[in-house]
Amino acid sequence: MTATDPDYTSQVRDTPHRALPLLDLAPLARGEVDGLAQQLRDVAEGIGFMCAVNHGVPDDAINAMFDQAHAFFELPLEDKVALEIDPHERGYQPLRMTVVRESDYYERPQNDFYESYNFGVDYADDHPQVIARKRMYGRNRWPAGAPDLPGAALNYMNHMGTMAKSLLPVWSRAMELPDGFFDPYFSRAHFYTRLIHYPSKPDLATDETGHGAHADTCFNTFLPATEQAGLQVMDVDGTWIWPEIPADSIVVNFGQYLNRWSNGVVRATPHRVIPPVENDRFSLPFFVCPNLDAVGECLPSCSSADNPAKFEPESFWQFHTGYMSRVYPHFEERWEEANAPQ
């Protein structure tokens, strides 16, 4: 067993607390976009994390999803392992399965301390990419021991997806683009959710986290407020903070794909999770991604002769699969196993 490190444990738990910017989405219902767009741009160019309130996602949908997360992780281990994650990133990841082998924040590979279960958009059996067995074009796999999970998951996904699409006009204005610019890129949006369970762990080893420092790959991420603290955010000066999160809010942060699409204008903020001290932590991150095959070229408002595009055009599928195989060996291994000669 790895020895604990009291100095490191104290260091990560004693970081300062700070309020995140607050974005009140109530004006969206009145068709008021411009004020929100300026606020969104300011956050995107700054800390890259905010709390959305009056977001329209019903409490019942969020609470039911938390209840089902508890129910799933309470299943016998053999029932969960029977749904072990597949090449399409659907299913269960056991505790400490996730190894981060390439990171800007650590000198050696890291093992994250959580278990998770992924579900997302279902692609029809007759979808051309499903027939071709293309990675990420999969279907959800549900446990028999949690019969209410599929219904709660679909309801949660529908409400969060509605919120995601309601923000597209704000993004267009924020990035100084024509109204409706992003709509074609999200006509078949790739939404997915990860239910995560972080067991409590008062004493940590050197560099140990629940979820190591990283930036999400997606367009943006929605995270309903949790009962147990754990999330830490890297501020613009490189210091870690505990964000103060209102109980009825949804945390919003921006991913690497949007950072690339915006030529670096939008910050993909590093964040991490520190294991709770007493009670276990459960979280429900919802990842907002464009159509898998839509190629994002540098946003026209984000480049000029003096500031040329820094990144090659690519689809989210290209970026995400390349990143996940490079950073997380189990995803590369799953894909290789699925395509090995029989």
Protein backbone atom coordinates (compact mmCIF):
# COMPACT_ATOMS: atom_id res chain seq x y z
CA MET A 1 0.00 0.00 0.00
CA THR A 2 1.32 3.44 -0.91
CA ALA A 3 2.28 5.55 2.10
CA THR A 4 0.18 8.61 2.76
CA ASP A 5 1.69 12.08 2.54
CA PRO A 6 0.38 14.42 5.30
CA ASP A 7 2.02 17.50 3.75
CA TYR A 8 0.46 16.87 0.34
CA THR A 9 -2.92 16.05 1.92
CA SER A 10 -2.86 19.32 3.86
CA GLN A 11 -1.73 21.28 0.81
CA VAL A 12 -4.56 20.16 -1.48
CA ARG A 13 -7.26 20.40 1.18
CA ASP A 14 -6.23 23.86 2.41
CA THR A 15 -6.55 25.67 -0.93
CA PRO A 16 -8.53 28.93 -0.88
CA HIS A 17 -12.27 29.17 -1.52
CA ARG A 18 -13.53 31.55 -4.19
CA ALA A 19 -16.89 32.29 -5.82
CA LEU A 20 -17.24 31.49 -9.52
CA PRO A 21 -18.88 33.95 -11.93
CA LEU A 22 -22.67 33.62 -11.89
CA LEU A 23 -24.67 33.54 -15.13
CA ASP A 24 -28.42 34.05 -14.68
CA LEU A 25 -30.14 32.40 -17.67
CA ALA A 26 -33.60 33.87 -16.93
CA PRO A 27 -33.25 36.45 -19.76
CA LEU A 28 -33.13 33.60 -22.30
CA ALA A 29 -36.84 32.97 -21.76
CA ARG A 30 -37.44 36.60 -22.82
CA GLY A 31 -35.21 36.31 -25.88
CA GLU A 32 -32.57 38.59 -24.35
CA VAL A 33 -29.19 37.38 -25.54
CA ASP A 34 -26.73 40.26 -25.83
CA GLY A 35 -26.12 40.83 -22.11
CA LEU A 36 -25.63 37.12 -21.52
CA ALA A 37 -23.29 36.92 -24.52
CA GLN A 38 -20.96 39.54 -23.09
CA GLN A 39 -20.92 37.82 -19.70
CA LEU A 40 -20.23 34.46 -21.35
CA ARG A 41 -17.37 35.92 -23.39
CA ASP A 42 -15.82 37.45 -20.27
CA VAL A 43 -15.94 34.11 -18.44
CA ALA A 44 -14.69 32.19 -21.48
CA GLU A 45 -11.65 34.42 -21.80
CA GLY A 46 -11.07 34.40 -18.03
CA ILE A 47 -11.36 31.60 -15.51
CA GLY A 48 -13.40 29.41 -17.86
CA PHE A 49 -15.79 28.19 -15.14
CA MET A 50 -19.13 29.62 -14.08
CA CYS A 51 -22.35 28.74 -12.25
CA ALA A 52 -25.59 28.92 -14.23
CA VAL A 53 -28.79 29.68 -12.31
CA ASN A 54 -32.40 29.78 -13.55
CA HIS A 55 -31.19 27.21 -16.07
CA GLY A 56 -34.53 25.47 -16.59
CA VAL A 57 -33.42 21.95 -15.71
CA PRO A 58 -36.01 20.65 -13.20
CA ASP A 59 -34.81 19.70 -9.74
CA ASP A 60 -36.77 16.45 -10.07
CA ALA A 61 -34.71 15.39 -13.11
CA ILE A 62 -31.43 16.08 -11.32
CA ASN A 63 -32.50 14.48 -8.03
CA ALA A 64 -33.76 11.36 -9.80
CA MET A 65 -30.42 11.05 -11.58
CA PHE A 66 -28.54 11.32 -8.28
CA ASP A 67 -30.84 8.64 -6.81
CA GLN A 68 -30.12 6.32 -9.73
CA ALA A 69 -26.38 6.96 -9.44
CA HIS A 70 -26.55 5.78 -5.84
CA ALA A 71 -28.60 2.75 -6.91
CA PHE A 72 -26.17 1.80 -9.65
CA PHE A 73 -23.02 2.02 -7.55
CA GLU A 74 -24.68 -0.01 -4.78
CA LEU A 75 -25.09 -2.96 -7.18
CA PRO A 76 -22.86 -6.01 -6.60
CA LEU A 77 -19.47 -5.59 -8.24
CA GLU A 78 -20.05 -8.53 -10.57
CA ASP A 79 -23.20 -6.87 -11.94
CA LYS A 80 -21.29 -3.66 -12.66
CA VAL A 81 -18.26 -5.41 -14.15
CA ALA A 82 -20.59 -7.29 -16.52
CA LEU A 83 -21.10 -3.85 -18.13
CA GLU A 84 -17.40 -3.00 -18.27
CA ILE A 85 -16.75 -0.06 -20.59
CA ASP A 86 -16.66 -0.83 -24.30
CA PRO A 87 -14.80 0.76 -27.25
CA HIS A 88 -17.68 3.26 -27.65
CA GLU A 89 -17.08 4.52 -24.10
CA ARG A 90 -20.37 3.11 -22.79
CA GLY A 91 -20.52 1.20 -19.54
CA TYR A 92 -18.71 0.77 -16.24
CA GLN A 93 -15.18 1.66 -15.19
CA PRO A 94 -14.07 -0.01 -11.92
CA LEU A 95 -12.23 1.79 -9.17
CA ARG A 96 -8.66 2.71 -10.18
CA MET A 97 -9.14 1.44 -13.73
CA THR A 98 -8.39 4.89 -15.16
CA VAL A 99 -4.66 5.38 -15.68
CA VAL A 100 -3.49 8.74 -17.02
CA ARG A 101 -0.26 8.09 -18.90
CA GLU A 102 0.23 11.51 -20.48
CA SER A 103 -0.38 14.73 -18.55
CA ASP A 104 0.81 18.31 -18.42
CA TYR A 105 0.41 18.24 -14.64
CA TYR A 106 2.20 15.07 -13.48
CA GLU A 107 5.63 13.62 -14.16
CA ARG A 108 4.50 9.98 -13.96
CA PRO A 109 1.32 8.03 -14.79
CA GLN A 110 -1.57 8.55 -12.38
CA ASN A 111 -4.36 6.27 -11.16
CA ASP A 112 -7.63 8.07 -10.55
CA PHE A 113 -9.66 7.05 -7.50
CA TYR A 114 -13.23 6.72 -8.71
CA GLU A 115 -15.67 4.34 -10.38
CA SER A 116 -17.98 5.50 -13.14
CA TYR A 117 -20.74 4.55 -15.55
CA ASN A 118 -21.18 6.17 -18.97
CA PHE A 119 -24.27 6.52 -21.14
CA GLY A 120 -25.20 8.87 -23.93
CA VAL A 121 -26.87 9.34 -27.29
CA ASP A 122 -28.06 6.03 -28.73
CA TYR A 123 -27.22 5.48 -32.37
CA ALA A 124 -29.70 3.31 -34.28
CA ASP A 125 -28.70 -0.20 -35.30
CA ASP A 126 -29.07 0.75 -38.98
CA HIS A 127 -26.92 3.88 -38.68
CA PRO A 128 -24.15 3.58 -41.32
CA GLN A 129 -21.41 4.17 -38.76
CA VAL A 130 -22.90 1.60 -36.39
CA ILE A 131 -22.96 -0.94 -39.20
CA ALA A 132 -19.35 -0.02 -39.98
CA ARG A 133 -18.51 -0.51 -36.27
CA LYS A 134 -16.95 2.94 -36.07
CA ARG A 135 -15.76 3.92 -32.63
CA MET A 136 -18.12 6.04 -30.45
CA TYR A 137 -21.18 5.17 -32.57
CA GLY A 138 -22.63 2.78 -30.01
CA ARG A 139 -25.66 2.01 -27.90
CA ASN A 140 -26.19 2.17 -24.15
CA ARG A 141 -25.94 -0.91 -21.96
CA TRP A 142 -28.18 -0.89 -18.90
CA PRO A 143 -27.95 -2.96 -15.71
CA ALA A 144 -30.80 -5.34 -14.91
CA GLY A 145 -30.48 -4.48 -11.23
CA ALA A 146 -31.41 -0.79 -11.66
CA PRO A 147 -34.65 -0.87 -13.70
CA ASP A 148 -35.42 2.83 -13.22
CA LEU A 149 -32.03 4.00 -14.46
CA PRO A 150 -32.80 4.16 -18.23
CA GLY A 151 -35.88 6.35 -17.74
CA ALA A 152 -34.14 8.73 -15.35
CA ALA A 153 -31.13 8.88 -17.66
CA LEU A 154 -33.20 9.73 -20.73
CA ASN A 155 -35.10 12.43 -18.83
CA TYR A 156 -31.85 13.93 -17.51
CA MET A 157 -30.25 13.87 -20.96
CA ASN A 158 -33.28 15.52 -22.57
CA HIS A 159 -33.34 18.41 -20.10
CA MET A 160 -29.60 18.96 -20.15
CA GLY A 161 -29.59 18.78 -23.96
CA THR A 162 -32.32 21.41 -24.08
CA MET A 163 -30.21 23.67 -21.88
CA ALA A 164 -27.18 23.08 -24.12
CA LYS A 165 -29.05 24.03 -27.28
CA SER A 166 -30.65 27.05 -25.61
CA LEU A 167 -27.15 28.46 -25.10
CA LEU A 168 -26.11 28.16 -28.76
CA PRO A 169 -27.52 31.61 -29.69
CA VAL A 170 -25.59 33.08 -26.76
CA TRP A 171 -22.42 31.42 -28.01
CA SER A 172 -22.96 32.84 -31.51
CA ARG A 173 -23.24 36.39 -30.16
CA ALA A 174 -20.41 35.86 -27.67
CA MET A 175 -18.06 34.80 -30.47
CA GLU A 176 -19.28 37.58 -32.81
CA LEU A 177 -20.74 35.11 -35.30
CA PRO A 178 -23.99 35.18 -37.30
CA ASP A 179 -27.11 34.08 -35.45
CA GLY A 180 -27.60 30.36 -35.86
CA PHE A 181 -23.94 29.72 -36.66
CA PHE A 182 -23.61 26.73 -34.34
CA ASP A 183 -27.00 25.12 -35.07
CA PRO A 184 -25.83 22.85 -37.95
CA TYR A 185 -22.96 21.56 -35.83
CA PHE A 186 -25.37 20.39 -33.12
CA SER A 187 -28.19 18.99 -35.26
CA ARG A 188 -27.12 15.46 -34.16
CA ALA A 189 -25.21 16.50 -31.05
CA HIS A 190 -23.20 13.84 -29.25
CA PHE A 191 -24.38 14.25 -25.66
CA TYR A 192 -23.19 11.87 -22.97
CA THR A 193 -23.22 11.59 -19.18
CA ARG A 194 -20.83 10.02 -16.69
CA LEU A 195 -22.12 8.97 -13.29
CA ILE A 196 -19.12 9.10 -10.94
CA HIS A 197 -18.63 7.76 -7.43
CA TYR A 198 -15.68 9.06 -5.40
CA PRO A 199 -15.18 7.06 -2.17
CA SER A 200 -14.10 9.04 0.86
CA LYS A 201 -10.36 9.01 1.55
CA PRO A 202 -9.13 11.32 4.32
CA ASP A 203 -5.40 10.63 3.89
CA LEU A 204 -3.80 10.89 0.46
CA ALA A 205 -0.55 9.68 -1.04
CA THR A 206 1.73 12.08 -2.90
CA ASP A 207 -0.08 13.51 -5.97
CA GLU A 208 -3.15 11.36 -5.25
CA THR A 209 -6.52 12.72 -6.39
CA GLY A 210 -10.01 11.40 -6.99
CA HIS A 211 -9.75 12.63 -10.56
CA GLY A 212 -6.42 14.03 -11.71
CA ALA A 213 -5.96 17.47 -13.21
CA HIS A 214 -7.32 17.61 -16.75
CA ALA A 215 -9.32 19.69 -19.20
CA ASP A 216 -12.42 18.12 -20.76
CA THR A 217 -12.31 17.27 -24.46
CA CYS A 218 -15.80 18.55 -25.33
CA PHE A 219 -17.48 21.82 -26.32
CA ASN A 220 -18.62 22.42 -22.75
CA THR A 221 -19.61 20.47 -19.64
CA PHE A 222 -22.59 20.85 -17.27
CA LEU A 223 -22.24 19.68 -13.67
CA PRO A 224 -25.13 19.98 -11.19
CA ALA A 225 -24.09 21.06 -7.72
CA THR A 226 -23.12 18.12 -5.50
CA GLU A 227 -23.71 17.53 -1.80
CA GLN A 228 -20.05 16.77 -1.16
CA ALA A 229 -17.27 19.14 -2.18
CA GLY A 230 -14.43 17.78 -4.28
CA LEU A 231 -14.08 19.88 -7.42
CA GLN A 232 -11.08 22.19 -7.59
CA VAL A 233 -10.40 24.66 -10.41
CA MET A 234 -7.13 26.12 -11.63
CA ASP A 235 -7.39 29.92 -11.61
CA VAL A 236 -5.84 32.06 -14.33
CA ASP A 237 -2.70 32.55 -12.23
CA GLY A 238 -2.12 28.80 -11.96
CA THR A 239 -3.31 28.40 -8.37
CA TRP A 240 -5.93 25.86 -7.31
CA ILE A 241 -9.16 27.02 -5.68
CA TRP A 242 -12.23 25.44 -4.12
CA PRO A 243 -15.10 27.01 -6.11
CA GLU A 244 -18.12 28.18 -4.14
CA ILE A 245 -21.12 26.65 -5.88
CA PRO A 246 -24.75 27.64 -5.12
CA ALA A 247 -26.91 24.63 -4.30
CA ASP A 248 -29.38 25.20 -7.15
CA SER A 249 -26.80 25.93 -9.85
CA ILE A 250 -25.19 24.00 -12.68
CA VAL A 251 -21.46 24.48 -13.08
CA VAL A 252 -20.44 25.16 -16.69
CA ASN A 253 -16.93 24.84 -18.05
CA PHE A 254 -15.44 24.78 -21.51
CA GLY A 255 -13.55 21.98 -23.25
CA GLN A 256 -10.51 21.53 -25.40
CA TYR A 257 -12.49 21.23 -28.62
CA LEU A 258 -14.00 24.68 -28.11
CA ASN A 259 -10.57 26.02 -27.17
CA ARG A 260 -9.19 24.76 -30.49
CA TRP A 261 -12.25 25.85 -32.46
CA SER A 262 -11.91 29.38 -31.04
CA ASN A 263 -8.16 29.52 -31.79
CA GLY A 264 -7.39 29.64 -28.08
CA VAL A 265 -9.82 32.45 -27.22
CA VAL A 266 -11.94 30.22 -24.96
CA ARG A 267 -10.07 28.76 -22.01
CA ALA A 268 -10.29 25.00 -21.43
CA THR A 269 -9.69 25.22 -17.70
CA PRO A 270 -7.78 22.51 -15.84
CA HIS A 271 -9.70 21.05 -12.92
CA ARG A 272 -9.43 18.08 -10.58
CA VAL A 273 -11.37 16.28 -7.85
CA ILE A 274 -10.03 15.72 -4.34
CA PRO A 275 -11.52 12.68 -2.52
CA PRO A 276 -14.01 13.63 0.22
CA VAL A 277 -12.98 13.24 3.84
CA GLU A 278 -16.08 11.55 5.31
CA ASN A 279 -19.04 10.99 2.98
CA ASP A 280 -18.70 9.61 -0.53
CA ARG A 281 -19.18 12.02 -3.44
CA PHE A 282 -21.45 11.43 -6.45
CA SER A 283 -21.41 13.61 -9.56
CA LEU A 284 -23.32 13.75 -12.87
CA PRO A 285 -21.21 15.55 -15.51
CA PHE A 286 -23.03 16.05 -18.81
CA PHE A 287 -20.75 16.54 -21.81
CA VAL A 288 -21.90 18.72 -24.70
CA CYS A 289 -20.25 17.74 -27.98
CA PRO A 290 -21.08 18.62 -31.59
CA ASN A 291 -22.07 16.11 -34.27
CA LEU A 292 -19.28 13.56 -34.32
CA ASP A 293 -18.52 14.01 -38.02
CA ALA A 294 -18.88 17.82 -38.27
CA VAL A 295 -15.50 19.40 -39.00
CA GLY A 296 -14.81 22.52 -36.96
CA GLU A 297 -12.57 25.01 -38.75
CA CYS A 298 -11.21 28.00 -36.87
CA LEU A 299 -14.12 30.30 -36.06
CA PRO A 300 -13.98 33.20 -38.55
CA SER A 301 -14.08 35.78 -35.76
CA CYS A 302 -11.08 34.23 -34.02
CA SER A 303 -8.37 34.55 -36.66
CA SER A 304 -6.86 37.25 -38.83
CA ALA A 305 -3.77 37.92 -40.90
CA ASP A 306 -1.98 38.84 -37.70
CA ASN A 307 -3.45 35.92 -35.76
CA PRO A 308 -3.65 32.89 -38.08
CA ALA A 309 -5.35 29.63 -37.13
CA LYS A 310 -3.20 27.61 -34.70
CA PHE A 311 -4.98 24.27 -35.15
CA GLU A 312 -5.84 22.11 -38.14
CA PRO A 313 -9.57 21.66 -38.89
CA GLU A 314 -10.90 18.42 -37.44
CA SER A 315 -14.10 16.82 -36.27
CA PHE A 316 -14.83 16.18 -32.62
CA TRP A 317 -14.57 12.45 -33.42
CA GLN A 318 -11.01 12.92 -34.69
CA PHE A 319 -9.92 15.04 -31.76
CA HIS A 320 -11.59 13.04 -29.00
CA THR A 321 -10.60 9.54 -30.14
CA GLY A 322 -7.00 10.62 -30.72
CA TYR A 323 -6.80 12.29 -27.32
CA MET A 324 -8.44 9.45 -25.39
CA SER A 325 -6.21 6.78 -26.96
CA ARG A 326 -3.10 8.82 -26.26
CA VAL A 327 -3.91 9.72 -22.66
CA TYR A 328 -5.97 6.77 -21.38
CA PRO A 329 -4.53 3.35 -22.33
CA HIS A 330 -7.69 1.40 -21.50
CA PHE A 331 -9.59 3.12 -24.33
CA GLU A 332 -6.90 2.26 -26.84
CA GLU A 333 -6.79 -1.32 -25.53
CA ARG A 334 -10.59 -1.72 -25.77
CA TRP A 335 -10.54 -0.56 -29.38
CA GLU A 336 -7.65 -2.84 -30.30
CA GLU A 337 -9.33 -5.82 -28.61
CA ALA A 338 -12.60 -5.17 -30.45
CA ASN A 339 -10.84 -5.06 -33.80
CA ALA A 340 -8.38 -7.90 -33.30
CA PRO A 341 -8.54 -10.71 -35.92
CA GLN A 342 -10.77 -13.54 -34.76
